Amino acid sequence: MHLLNHTIEFPPISQASKEGILAIGGDLCPERLMLAYKSGIFPWFDKEEPLIWWSPDPRFVLFPEQLKVSKSMKQVLRNSDFEITINKDFESVINECSRIKRDGQAGTWITKSMTEAYIKLHELGYAKSVEVWLDHQLVGGLYGIDVNNGVFCGESMFSLVSNASKVGFITFIQNSNYKLIDCQVYTSHLESLGAQDISREEFLEYLI
């Protein structure tokens, strides 16, 4: 296991464990985070754990042209009263993502240090948020990192009412020009929208 220090660098991706763990330690400064995303690496750790950096193989991704929108969801998109905005309230979105209860998780990986780091990335223009509003209340959203090469690395989403995050995600994809959405690891929710596994080698080619 590679232990990071103050130097902003990562070991070769090929050194990742079978589970996808590449390194531990380091920090969440903007320079290290952006180097990570541009190298196919992301941080993911619980509050009680050290900072853990991942590069799983396979990688779970969505090709925008393969986005699946069910008949029922198309009806929701046509008839809903949701309002979708971009980068209107990043801080509220990431805070809501940190609070939402998820199946199989006792706590959250979006710690205070993670929240502060991604708010900084947002201020620098790298992190984006999608907000979903209903009656002027924030009811859903998502956030992630724009690598500035056609790849958007999704980090987390939340819904306080039915279909809110799906509507936000679908609307965002349909109105963007990304060549690839990095979903990182498998979820049935994203699989239903068309996400699939590809090899880490293939994924890295999209980051070049």
C-alpha atoms as a PDB file:
ATOM      1  CA  MET A   1       0.000   0.000   0.000  1.00  0.00           C
ATOM      2  CA  HIS A   2       1.470   3.338  -1.078  1.00  0.00           C
ATOM      3  CA  LEU A   3       1.536   6.029   1.607  1.00  0.00           C
ATOM      4  CA  LEU A   4       1.296   9.582   0.284  1.00  0.00           C
ATOM      5  CA  ASN A   5       3.201  12.501   1.804  1.00  0.00           C
ATOM      6  CA  HIS A   6       3.232  16.249   1.150  1.00  0.00           C
ATOM      7  CA  THR A   7       4.413  15.748  -2.437  1.00  0.00           C
ATOM      8  CA  ILE A   8       1.509  16.018  -4.876  1.00  0.00           C
ATOM      9  CA  GLU A   9       1.843  12.781  -6.822  1.00  0.00           C
ATOM     10  CA  PHE A  10       0.325   9.311  -7.070  1.00  0.00           C
ATOM     11  CA  PRO A  11       1.822   5.903  -7.774  1.00  0.00           C
ATOM     12  CA  PRO A  12       1.116   4.231 -11.141  1.00  0.00           C
ATOM     13  CA  ILE A  13      -2.506   3.115 -11.531  1.00  0.00           C
ATOM     14  CA  SER A  14      -1.272  -0.427 -12.107  1.00  0.00           C
ATOM     15  CA  GLN A  15      -0.324  -0.616  -8.423  1.00  0.00           C
ATOM     16  CA  ALA A  16      -3.966  -0.445  -7.264  1.00  0.00           C
ATOM     17  CA  SER A  17      -5.192  -3.414  -5.245  1.00  0.00           C
ATOM     18  CA  LYS A  18      -7.764  -5.873  -6.568  1.00  0.00           C
ATOM     19  CA  GLU A  19     -10.431  -3.813  -4.763  1.00  0.00           C
ATOM     20  CA  GLY A  20      -9.176  -0.634  -6.440  1.00  0.00           C
ATOM     21  CA  ILE A  21      -7.287   0.985  -3.545  1.00  0.00           C
ATOM     22  CA  LEU A  22      -4.233   2.825  -4.846  1.00  0.00           C
ATOM     23  CA  ALA A  23      -2.907   4.870  -1.920  1.00  0.00           C
ATOM     24  CA  ILE A  24      -3.667   6.337   1.493  1.00  0.00           C
ATOM     25  CA  GLY A  25      -2.808   9.641   3.102  1.00  0.00           C
ATOM     26  CA  GLY A  26      -1.940  12.968   1.562  1.00  0.00           C
ATOM     27  CA  ASP A  27      -4.486  15.777   1.659  1.00  0.00           C
ATOM     28  CA  LEU A  28      -7.483  17.210  -0.172  1.00  0.00           C
ATOM     29  CA  CYS A  29      -5.882  20.333  -1.589  1.00  0.00           C
ATOM     30  CA  PRO A  30      -7.213  21.422  -5.000  1.00  0.00           C
ATOM     31  CA  GLU A  31      -3.980  20.545  -6.804  1.00  0.00           C
ATOM     32  CA  ARG A  32      -3.966  16.959  -5.516  1.00  0.00           C
ATOM     33  CA  LEU A  33      -7.687  16.458  -6.126  1.00  0.00           C
ATOM     34  CA  MET A  34      -7.506  17.650  -9.724  1.00  0.00           C
ATOM     35  CA  LEU A  35      -4.395  15.551 -10.390  1.00  0.00           C
ATOM     36  CA  ALA A  36      -6.344  12.593  -9.038  1.00  0.00           C
ATOM     37  CA  TYR A  37      -9.395  13.107 -11.240  1.00  0.00           C
ATOM     38  CA  LYS A  38      -7.288  13.709 -14.342  1.00  0.00           C
ATOM     39  CA  SER A  39      -5.450  10.444 -13.567  1.00  0.00           C
ATOM     40  CA  GLY A  40      -8.559   8.306 -13.013  1.00  0.00           C
ATOM     41  CA  ILE A  41      -8.329   8.413  -9.216  1.00  0.00           C
ATOM     42  CA  PHE A  42     -10.816   9.606  -6.600  1.00  0.00           C
ATOM     43  CA  PRO A  43     -10.958   9.842  -2.767  1.00  0.00           C
ATOM     44  CA  TRP A  44     -13.476   7.751  -0.856  1.00  0.00           C
ATOM     45  CA  PHE A  45     -13.266   7.080   2.880  1.00  0.00           C
ATOM     46  CA  ASP A  46     -15.354   7.058   6.048  1.00  0.00           C
ATOM     47  CA  LYS A  47     -14.984   9.590   8.848  1.00  0.00           C
ATOM     48  CA  GLU A  48     -13.006   7.160  11.014  1.00  0.00           C
ATOM     49  CA  GLU A  49     -10.678   6.091   8.195  1.00  0.00           C
ATOM     50  CA  PRO A  50      -7.536   7.683   6.746  1.00  0.00           C
ATOM     51  CA  LEU A  51      -7.809   9.361   3.360  1.00  0.00           C
ATOM     52  CA  ILE A  52      -8.104   6.530   0.799  1.00  0.00           C
ATOM     53  CA  TRP A  53      -7.547   6.975  -2.960  1.00  0.00           C
ATOM     54  CA  TRP A  54      -9.240   4.610  -5.428  1.00  0.00           C
ATOM     55  CA  SER A  55      -8.917   3.591  -9.055  1.00  0.00           C
ATOM     56  CA  PRO A  56     -11.218   0.587  -9.517  1.00  0.00           C
ATOM     57  CA  ASP A  57     -11.187  -1.845 -12.409  1.00  0.00           C
ATOM     58  CA  PRO A  58     -13.705  -2.094 -13.989  1.00  0.00           C
ATOM     59  CA  ARG A  59     -14.993   1.481 -13.945  1.00  0.00           C
ATOM     60  CA  PHE A  60     -18.718   2.277 -13.912  1.00  0.00           C
ATOM     61  CA  VAL A  61     -19.540   4.932 -16.522  1.00  0.00           C
ATOM     62  CA  LEU A  62     -22.370   6.354 -18.603  1.00  0.00           C
ATOM     63  CA  PHE A  63     -22.054   7.296 -22.247  1.00  0.00           C
ATOM     64  CA  PRO A  64     -24.523  10.178 -22.719  1.00  0.00           C
ATOM     65  CA  GLU A  65     -25.757   8.831 -26.053  1.00  0.00           C
ATOM     66  CA  GLN A  66     -26.737   5.609 -24.244  1.00  0.00           C
ATOM     67  CA  LEU A  67     -28.772   7.357 -21.548  1.00  0.00           C
ATOM     68  CA  LYS A  68     -31.960   5.376 -20.899  1.00  0.00           C
ATOM     69  CA  VAL A  69     -35.121   7.335 -20.153  1.00  0.00           C
ATOM     70  CA  SER A  70     -38.117   5.130 -19.424  1.00  0.00           C
ATOM     71  CA  LYS A  71     -41.579   5.911 -20.744  1.00  0.00           C
ATOM     72  CA  SER A  72     -42.760   6.778 -17.241  1.00  0.00           C
ATOM     73  CA  MET A  73     -39.756   9.055 -16.680  1.00  0.00           C
ATOM     74  CA  LYS A  74     -40.387  10.838 -19.975  1.00  0.00           C
ATOM     75  CA  GLN A  75     -43.868  11.582 -18.687  1.00  0.00           C
ATOM     76  CA  VAL A  76     -42.446  12.892 -15.418  1.00  0.00           C
ATOM     77  CA  LEU A  77     -40.063  15.146 -17.352  1.00  0.00           C
ATOM     78  CA  ARG A  78     -42.912  16.522 -19.456  1.00  0.00           C
ATOM     79  CA  ASN A  79     -45.383  17.070 -16.655  1.00  0.00           C
ATOM     80  CA  SER A  80     -43.345  17.806 -13.527  1.00  0.00           C
ATOM     81  CA  ASP A  81     -43.130  21.194 -11.847  1.00  0.00           C
ATOM     82  CA  PHE A  82     -39.416  20.763 -11.118  1.00  0.00           C
ATOM     83  CA  GLU A  83     -37.071  23.630 -11.923  1.00  0.00           C
ATOM     84  CA  ILE A  84     -33.474  22.673 -12.762  1.00  0.00           C
ATOM     85  CA  THR A  85     -30.515  25.018 -12.210  1.00  0.00           C
ATOM     86  CA  ILE A  86     -26.743  24.689 -12.502  1.00  0.00           C
ATOM     87  CA  ASN A  87     -24.314  26.007  -9.877  1.00  0.00           C
ATOM     88  CA  LYS A  88     -26.971  28.026  -8.098  1.00  0.00           C
ATOM     89  CA  ASP A  89     -26.380  26.557  -4.625  1.00  0.00           C
ATOM     90  CA  PHE A  90     -23.437  24.156  -4.597  1.00  0.00           C
ATOM     91  CA  GLU A  91     -22.979  24.303  -0.844  1.00  0.00           C
ATOM     92  CA  SER A  92     -26.569  23.265  -0.108  1.00  0.00           C
ATOM     93  CA  VAL A  93     -26.342  20.380  -2.597  1.00  0.00           C
ATOM     94  CA  ILE A  94     -23.190  18.880  -1.104  1.00  0.00           C
ATOM     95  CA  ASN A  95     -24.548  19.335   2.424  1.00  0.00           C
ATOM     96  CA  GLU A  96     -27.793  17.569   1.504  1.00  0.00           C
ATOM     97  CA  CYS A  97     -25.803  14.758  -0.137  1.00  0.00           C
ATOM     98  CA  SER A  98     -23.855  14.324   3.103  1.00  0.00           C
ATOM     99  CA  ARG A  99     -27.047  14.085   5.178  1.00  0.00           C
ATOM    100  CA  ILE A 100     -29.104  11.709   3.048  1.00  0.00           C
ATOM    101  CA  LYS A 101     -29.497   8.182   4.453  1.00  0.00           C
ATOM    102  CA  ARG A 102     -28.359   5.443   2.075  1.00  0.00           C
ATOM    103  CA  ASP A 103     -29.019   1.715   2.172  1.00  0.00           C
ATOM    104  CA  GLY A 104     -26.140  -0.213   3.693  1.00  0.00           C
ATOM    105  CA  GLN A 105     -24.354   2.880   5.011  1.00  0.00           C
ATOM    106  CA  ALA A 106     -24.346   3.844   8.673  1.00  0.00           C
ATOM    107  CA  GLY A 107     -22.694   7.210   8.099  1.00  0.00           C
ATOM    108  CA  THR A 108     -21.390   9.351   5.257  1.00  0.00           C
ATOM    109  CA  TRP A 109     -18.157   9.541   3.310  1.00  0.00           C
ATOM    110  CA  ILE A 110     -18.832  13.234   2.646  1.00  0.00           C
ATOM    111  CA  THR A 111     -17.012  14.432   5.745  1.00  0.00           C
ATOM    112  CA  LYS A 112     -16.473  18.033   6.816  1.00  0.00           C
ATOM    113  CA  SER A 113     -13.022  18.023   5.197  1.00  0.00           C
ATOM    114  CA  MET A 114     -14.467  16.628   1.958  1.00  0.00           C
ATOM    115  CA  THR A 115     -17.215  19.250   1.948  1.00  0.00           C
ATOM    116  CA  GLU A 116     -14.743  22.093   2.461  1.00  0.00           C
ATOM    117  CA  ALA A 117     -12.429  20.724  -0.237  1.00  0.00           C
ATOM    118  CA  TYR A 118     -15.158  20.438  -2.868  1.00  0.00           C
ATOM    119  CA  ILE A 119     -16.586  23.856  -2.063  1.00  0.00           C
ATOM    120  CA  LYS A 120     -13.084  25.162  -2.777  1.00  0.00           C
ATOM    121  CA  LEU A 121     -13.043  23.257  -6.082  1.00  0.00           C
ATOM    122  CA  HIS A 122     -16.398  24.824  -6.912  1.00  0.00           C
ATOM    123  CA  GLU A 123     -15.015  28.294  -6.210  1.00  0.00           C
ATOM    124  CA  LEU A 124     -12.147  27.489  -8.593  1.00  0.00           C
ATOM    125  CA  GLY A 125     -14.594  26.426 -11.315  1.00  0.00           C
ATOM    126  CA  TYR A 126     -13.949  22.660 -11.254  1.00  0.00           C
ATOM    127  CA  ALA A 127     -16.851  21.328  -9.190  1.00  0.00           C
ATOM    128  CA  LYS A 128     -20.396  21.709 -10.531  1.00  0.00           C
ATOM    129  CA  SER A 129     -23.781  21.278  -8.921  1.00  0.00           C
ATOM    130  CA  VAL A 130     -27.218  20.584 -10.346  1.00  0.00           C
ATOM    131  CA  GLU A 131     -30.148  21.775  -8.251  1.00  0.00           C
ATOM    132  CA  VAL A 132     -33.729  20.517  -8.477  1.00  0.00           C
ATOM    133  CA  TRP A 133     -36.373  22.863  -7.073  1.00  0.00           C
ATOM    134  CA  LEU A 134     -40.048  22.391  -6.325  1.00  0.00           C
ATOM    135  CA  ASP A 135     -42.110  25.352  -5.123  1.00  0.00           C
ATOM    136  CA  HIS A 136     -38.833  27.254  -4.582  1.00  0.00           C
ATOM    137  CA  GLN A 137     -37.509  24.531  -2.257  1.00  0.00           C
ATOM    138  CA  LEU A 138     -34.382  22.473  -2.962  1.00  0.00           C
ATOM    139  CA  VAL A 139     -35.646  18.878  -3.256  1.00  0.00           C
ATOM    140  CA  GLY A 140     -32.862  17.145  -5.166  1.00  0.00           C
ATOM    141  CA  GLY A 141     -29.519  17.558  -6.811  1.00  0.00           C
ATOM    142  CA  LEU A 142     -26.092  16.218  -7.625  1.00  0.00           C
ATOM    143  CA  TYR A 143     -22.507  17.409  -7.838  1.00  0.00           C
ATOM    144  CA  GLY A 144     -19.287  16.353  -9.461  1.00  0.00           C
ATOM    145  CA  ILE A 145     -16.038  17.409 -11.101  1.00  0.00           C
ATOM    146  CA  ASP A 146     -15.609  18.718 -14.638  1.00  0.00           C
ATOM    147  CA  VAL A 147     -12.192  17.483 -15.750  1.00  0.00           C
ATOM    148  CA  ASN A 148     -12.288  19.989 -18.640  1.00  0.00           C
ATOM    149  CA  ASN A 149     -11.692  17.357 -21.310  1.00  0.00           C
ATOM    150  CA  GLY A 150     -15.241  16.162 -21.915  1.00  0.00           C
ATOM    151  CA  VAL A 151     -15.456  13.961 -18.823  1.00  0.00           C
ATOM    152  CA  PHE A 152     -17.701  14.715 -15.846  1.00  0.00           C
ATOM    153  CA  CYS A 153     -16.943  12.774 -12.668  1.00  0.00           C
ATOM    154  CA  GLY A 154     -20.159  12.408 -10.709  1.00  0.00           C
ATOM    155  CA  GLU A 155     -19.719  12.337  -6.949  1.00  0.00           C
ATOM    156  CA  SER A 156     -23.102  12.139  -5.228  1.00  0.00           C
ATOM    157  CA  MET A 157     -26.806  12.912  -5.606  1.00  0.00           C
ATOM    158  CA  PHE A 158     -29.805  13.220  -3.321  1.00  0.00           C
ATOM    159  CA  SER A 159     -33.606  13.293  -3.504  1.00  0.00           C
ATOM    160  CA  LEU A 160     -36.071  14.560  -0.930  1.00  0.00           C
ATOM    161  CA  VAL A 161     -39.052  13.822  -3.179  1.00  0.00           C
ATOM    162  CA  SER A 162     -39.651  11.040  -5.700  1.00  0.00           C
ATOM    163  CA  ASN A 163     -37.720  11.296  -8.998  1.00  0.00           C
ATOM    164  CA  ALA A 164     -35.994  14.580  -8.117  1.00  0.00           C
ATOM    165  CA  SER A 165     -32.409  13.384  -8.581  1.00  0.00           C
ATOM    166  CA  LYS A 166     -33.303  11.409 -11.718  1.00  0.00           C
ATOM    167  CA  VAL A 167     -34.904  14.469 -13.286  1.00  0.00           C
ATOM    168  CA  GLY A 168     -31.849  16.564 -12.416  1.00  0.00           C
ATOM    169  CA  PHE A 169     -29.404  13.963 -13.727  1.00  0.00           C
ATOM    170  CA  ILE A 170     -31.266  13.315 -16.974  1.00  0.00           C
ATOM    171  CA  THR A 171     -31.799  17.016 -17.667  1.00  0.00           C
ATOM    172  CA  PHE A 172     -28.131  17.756 -16.971  1.00  0.00           C
ATOM    173  CA  ILE A 173     -26.935  15.001 -19.335  1.00  0.00           C
ATOM    174  CA  GLN A 174     -29.363  15.957 -22.093  1.00  0.00           C
ATOM    175  CA  ASN A 175     -28.240  19.589 -21.977  1.00  0.00           C
ATOM    176  CA  SER A 176     -24.483  18.973 -21.750  1.00  0.00           C
ATOM    177  CA  ASN A 177     -21.834  17.971 -24.280  1.00  0.00           C
ATOM    178  CA  TYR A 178     -19.852  15.481 -22.210  1.00  0.00           C
ATOM    179  CA  LYS A 179     -18.398  12.432 -23.927  1.00  0.00           C
ATOM    180  CA  LEU A 180     -18.418  10.401 -20.725  1.00  0.00           C
ATOM    181  CA  ILE A 181     -19.928  10.513 -17.240  1.00  0.00           C
ATOM    182  CA  ASP A 182     -17.789   8.785 -14.621  1.00  0.00           C
ATOM    183  CA  CYS A 183     -20.087   7.070 -12.100  1.00  0.00           C
ATOM    184  CA  GLN A 184     -17.074   5.436 -10.359  1.00  0.00           C
ATOM    185  CA  VAL A 185     -18.697   2.318  -8.862  1.00  0.00           C
ATOM    186  CA  TYR A 186     -21.834   0.317  -9.561  1.00  0.00           C
ATOM    187  CA  THR A 187     -25.291   1.344  -8.380  1.00  0.00           C
ATOM    188  CA  SER A 188     -28.562  -0.149  -9.609  1.00  0.00           C
ATOM    189  CA  HIS A 189     -30.012   3.370  -9.810  1.00  0.00           C
ATOM    190  CA  LEU A 190     -27.447   4.459 -12.402  1.00  0.00           C
ATOM    191  CA  GLU A 191     -27.524   1.121 -14.191  1.00  0.00           C
ATOM    192  CA  SER A 192     -31.230   1.698 -14.827  1.00  0.00           C
ATOM    193  CA  LEU A 193     -30.243   4.944 -16.577  1.00  0.00           C
ATOM    194  CA  GLY A 194     -27.752   3.183 -18.850  1.00  0.00           C
ATOM    195  CA  ALA A 195     -24.489   3.150 -16.908  1.00  0.00           C
ATOM    196  CA  GLN A 196     -22.159   0.217 -17.537  1.00  0.00           C
ATOM    197  CA  ASP A 197     -18.774  -1.212 -16.622  1.00  0.00           C
ATOM    198  CA  ILE A 198     -15.751  -0.612 -18.828  1.00  0.00           C
ATOM    199  CA  SER A 199     -12.145  -1.548 -18.164  1.00  0.00           C
ATOM    200  CA  ARG A 200      -9.957   0.906 -16.312  1.00  0.00           C
ATOM    201  CA  GLU A 201      -7.641   0.945 -19.333  1.00  0.00           C
ATOM    202  CA  GLU A 202     -10.486   2.043 -21.607  1.00  0.00           C
ATOM    203  CA  PHE A 203     -11.624   4.646 -19.071  1.00  0.00           C
ATOM    204  CA  LEU A 204      -8.157   6.187 -18.851  1.00  0.00           C
ATOM    205  CA  GLU A 205      -8.155   6.712 -22.627  1.00  0.00           C
ATOM    206  CA  TYR A 206     -11.036   9.160 -22.213  1.00  0.00           C
ATOM    207  CA  LEU A 207      -8.969  11.245 -19.788  1.00  0.00           C
ATOM    208  CA  ILE A 208      -6.124  11.834 -22.254  1.00  0.00           C
END
